């Protein structure tokens, strides 16, 4: 969900570092976490703030510890030309992180 103000799109998510709505960098995040919808919801909000590169770094650094069951993430980012880019992040139960940008 978003709103527009003076020609710019802003997310309904507030960046805790700035206190301002997120600008139109991440258009959406979907997270699948086995058995824990509340965890998936929280992770999708955090990854919206972090963006794909920091989300990947988080999974590589702390993913196995935080999500021992694994996790699947789809991020939709907005490129400078306003096209959407899809980033897939996958953390399996062994702690292996896979990234693809189809």
C-alpha atoms as a PDB file:
ATOM      1  CA  UNK A   1       0.000   0.000   0.000  1.00  0.00           C
ATOM      2  CA  UNK A   2       1.284   3.478  -0.809  1.00  0.00           C
ATOM      3  CA  UNK A   3       0.296   7.093  -1.229  1.00  0.00           C
ATOM      4  CA  UNK A   4       1.460   9.840  -3.562  1.00  0.00           C
ATOM      5  CA  UNK A   5       2.519  13.310  -2.520  1.00  0.00           C
ATOM      6  CA  UNK A   6       3.881  15.958  -4.889  1.00  0.00           C
ATOM      7  CA  UNK A   7       4.485  13.371  -7.587  1.00  0.00           C
ATOM      8  CA  UNK A   8       6.396  10.904  -5.362  1.00  0.00           C
ATOM      9  CA  UNK A   9       5.206   7.550  -4.099  1.00  0.00           C
ATOM     10  CA  UNK A  10       5.607   6.670  -0.444  1.00  0.00           C
ATOM     11  CA  UNK A  11       4.990   3.386   1.360  1.00  0.00           C
ATOM     12  CA  UNK A  12       2.695   2.946   4.340  1.00  0.00           C
ATOM     13  CA  UNK A  13       5.772   1.593   6.173  1.00  0.00           C
ATOM     14  CA  UNK A  14       7.666   4.079   8.317  1.00  0.00           C
ATOM     15  CA  UNK A  15      11.475   3.923   8.337  1.00  0.00           C
ATOM     16  CA  UNK A  16      12.428   3.743  12.032  1.00  0.00           C
ATOM     17  CA  UNK A  17      15.742   5.505  11.348  1.00  0.00           C
ATOM     18  CA  UNK A  18      14.195   8.589   9.737  1.00  0.00           C
ATOM     19  CA  UNK A  19      10.618   8.579  11.024  1.00  0.00           C
ATOM     20  CA  UNK A  20       9.487   9.113   7.427  1.00  0.00           C
ATOM     21  CA  UNK A  21       7.569   6.819   5.061  1.00  0.00           C
ATOM     22  CA  UNK A  22       9.695   4.638   2.827  1.00  0.00           C
ATOM     23  CA  UNK A  23      10.175   6.081  -0.625  1.00  0.00           C
ATOM     24  CA  UNK A  24       9.347   3.997  -3.658  1.00  0.00           C
ATOM     25  CA  UNK A  25      12.360   1.643  -3.651  1.00  0.00           C
ATOM     26  CA  UNK A  26      10.762  -1.659  -2.642  1.00  0.00           C
ATOM     27  CA  UNK A  27       7.331  -2.107  -4.183  1.00  0.00           C
ATOM     28  CA  UNK A  28       6.498  -5.260  -2.252  1.00  0.00           C
ATOM     29  CA  UNK A  29       7.847  -8.183  -0.271  1.00  0.00           C
ATOM     30  CA  UNK A  30       6.384 -11.647   0.162  1.00  0.00           C
ATOM     31  CA  UNK A  31       7.828 -13.992   2.784  1.00  0.00           C
ATOM     32  CA  UNK A  32       7.011 -17.649   3.358  1.00  0.00           C
ATOM     33  CA  UNK A  33       8.038 -19.055   6.725  1.00  0.00           C
ATOM     34  CA  UNK A  34       6.949 -22.613   7.567  1.00  0.00           C
ATOM     35  CA  UNK A  35       4.273 -22.512  10.227  1.00  0.00           C
ATOM     36  CA  UNK A  36       4.745 -18.920  11.418  1.00  0.00           C
ATOM     37  CA  UNK A  37       2.719 -16.291   9.550  1.00  0.00           C
ATOM     38  CA  UNK A  38       3.497 -13.635  12.168  1.00  0.00           C
ATOM     39  CA  UNK A  39       7.225 -14.141  11.624  1.00  0.00           C
ATOM     40  CA  UNK A  40       6.719 -13.867   7.855  1.00  0.00           C
ATOM     41  CA  UNK A  41       4.771 -10.621   8.320  1.00  0.00           C
ATOM     42  CA  UNK A  42       7.471  -9.087  10.536  1.00  0.00           C
ATOM     43  CA  UNK A  43      10.266 -10.174   8.182  1.00  0.00           C
ATOM     44  CA  UNK A  44       8.475  -8.699   5.161  1.00  0.00           C
ATOM     45  CA  UNK A  45       8.277  -5.328   6.923  1.00  0.00           C
ATOM     46  CA  UNK A  46      11.942  -5.397   7.947  1.00  0.00           C
ATOM     47  CA  UNK A  47      13.090  -6.485   4.477  1.00  0.00           C
ATOM     48  CA  UNK A  48      11.007  -3.673   2.932  1.00  0.00           C
ATOM     49  CA  UNK A  49      13.096  -1.267   4.975  1.00  0.00           C
ATOM     50  CA  UNK A  50      16.421  -3.022   4.339  1.00  0.00           C
ATOM     51  CA  UNK A  51      16.017  -3.626   0.606  1.00  0.00           C
ATOM     52  CA  UNK A  52      17.330  -6.669  -1.259  1.00  0.00           C
ATOM     53  CA  UNK A  53      21.085  -6.274  -0.698  1.00  0.00           C
ATOM     54  CA  UNK A  54      20.825  -5.754   3.068  1.00  0.00           C
ATOM     55  CA  UNK A  55      18.167  -8.491   3.315  1.00  0.00           C
ATOM     56  CA  UNK A  56      20.576 -10.891   1.618  1.00  0.00           C
ATOM     57  CA  UNK A  57      23.379  -9.844   3.971  1.00  0.00           C
ATOM     58  CA  UNK A  58      21.086 -10.353   6.967  1.00  0.00           C
ATOM     59  CA  UNK A  59      20.195 -13.871   5.818  1.00  0.00           C
ATOM     60  CA  UNK A  60      23.853 -14.754   5.220  1.00  0.00           C
ATOM     61  CA  UNK A  61      24.968 -13.368   8.598  1.00  0.00           C
ATOM     62  CA  UNK A  62      22.082 -14.397  10.857  1.00  0.00           C
ATOM     63  CA  UNK A  63      19.607 -16.421   8.825  1.00  0.00           C
ATOM     64  CA  UNK A  64      20.420 -19.865  10.146  1.00  0.00           C
ATOM     65  CA  UNK A  65      20.312 -18.602  13.729  1.00  0.00           C
ATOM     66  CA  UNK A  66      17.076 -16.624  13.301  1.00  0.00           C
ATOM     67  CA  UNK A  67      15.228 -18.970  10.915  1.00  0.00           C
ATOM     68  CA  UNK A  68      16.418 -22.558  11.455  1.00  0.00           C
ATOM     69  CA  UNK A  69      13.405 -23.887   9.494  1.00  0.00           C
ATOM     70  CA  UNK A  70      14.327 -21.848   6.418  1.00  0.00           C
ATOM     71  CA  UNK A  71      12.663 -18.933   4.664  1.00  0.00           C
ATOM     72  CA  UNK A  72      11.592 -17.911   1.162  1.00  0.00           C
ATOM     73  CA  UNK A  73      11.466 -14.239   0.124  1.00  0.00           C
ATOM     74  CA  UNK A  74      10.347 -12.428  -3.030  1.00  0.00           C
ATOM     75  CA  UNK A  75      11.213  -8.717  -3.222  1.00  0.00           C
ATOM     76  CA  UNK A  76       9.908  -6.423  -5.948  1.00  0.00           C
ATOM     77  CA  UNK A  77      12.114  -3.371  -6.343  1.00  0.00           C
ATOM     78  CA  UNK A  78      11.586  -0.291  -8.485  1.00  0.00           C
ATOM     79  CA  UNK A  79      14.436   0.480 -10.867  1.00  0.00           C
ATOM     80  CA  UNK A  80      15.308   4.032 -11.943  1.00  0.00           C
ATOM     81  CA  UNK A  81      13.348   3.600 -15.181  1.00  0.00           C
ATOM     82  CA  UNK A  82      10.294   2.683 -13.012  1.00  0.00           C
ATOM     83  CA  UNK A  83      10.369  -0.970 -14.089  1.00  0.00           C
ATOM     84  CA  UNK A  84      10.003  -3.680 -11.466  1.00  0.00           C
ATOM     85  CA  UNK A  85      12.851  -6.039 -10.694  1.00  0.00           C
ATOM     86  CA  UNK A  86      12.219  -9.333  -8.906  1.00  0.00           C
ATOM     87  CA  UNK A  87      14.740 -10.626  -6.373  1.00  0.00           C
ATOM     88  CA  UNK A  88      14.318 -14.113  -4.930  1.00  0.00           C
ATOM     89  CA  UNK A  89      16.048 -15.020  -1.667  1.00  0.00           C
ATOM     90  CA  UNK A  90      15.943 -18.543  -0.329  1.00  0.00           C
ATOM     91  CA  UNK A  91      17.335 -19.796   2.972  1.00  0.00           C
ATOM     92  CA  UNK A  92      17.186 -23.549   3.404  1.00  0.00           C
ATOM     93  CA  UNK A  93      17.286 -25.468   6.690  1.00  0.00           C
ATOM     94  CA  UNK A  94      21.044 -26.052   6.314  1.00  0.00           C
ATOM     95  CA  UNK A  95      21.674 -22.276   6.260  1.00  0.00           C
ATOM     96  CA  UNK A  96      22.430 -22.064   2.527  1.00  0.00           C
ATOM     97  CA  UNK A  97      21.306 -18.773   0.973  1.00  0.00           C
ATOM     98  CA  UNK A  98      20.428 -18.610  -2.710  1.00  0.00           C
ATOM     99  CA  UNK A  99      19.754 -15.407  -4.625  1.00  0.00           C
ATOM    100  CA  UNK A 100      18.330 -15.051  -8.103  1.00  0.00           C
ATOM    101  CA  UNK A 101      17.167 -12.107 -10.173  1.00  0.00           C
ATOM    102  CA  UNK A 102      15.050 -13.664 -12.931  1.00  0.00           C
END
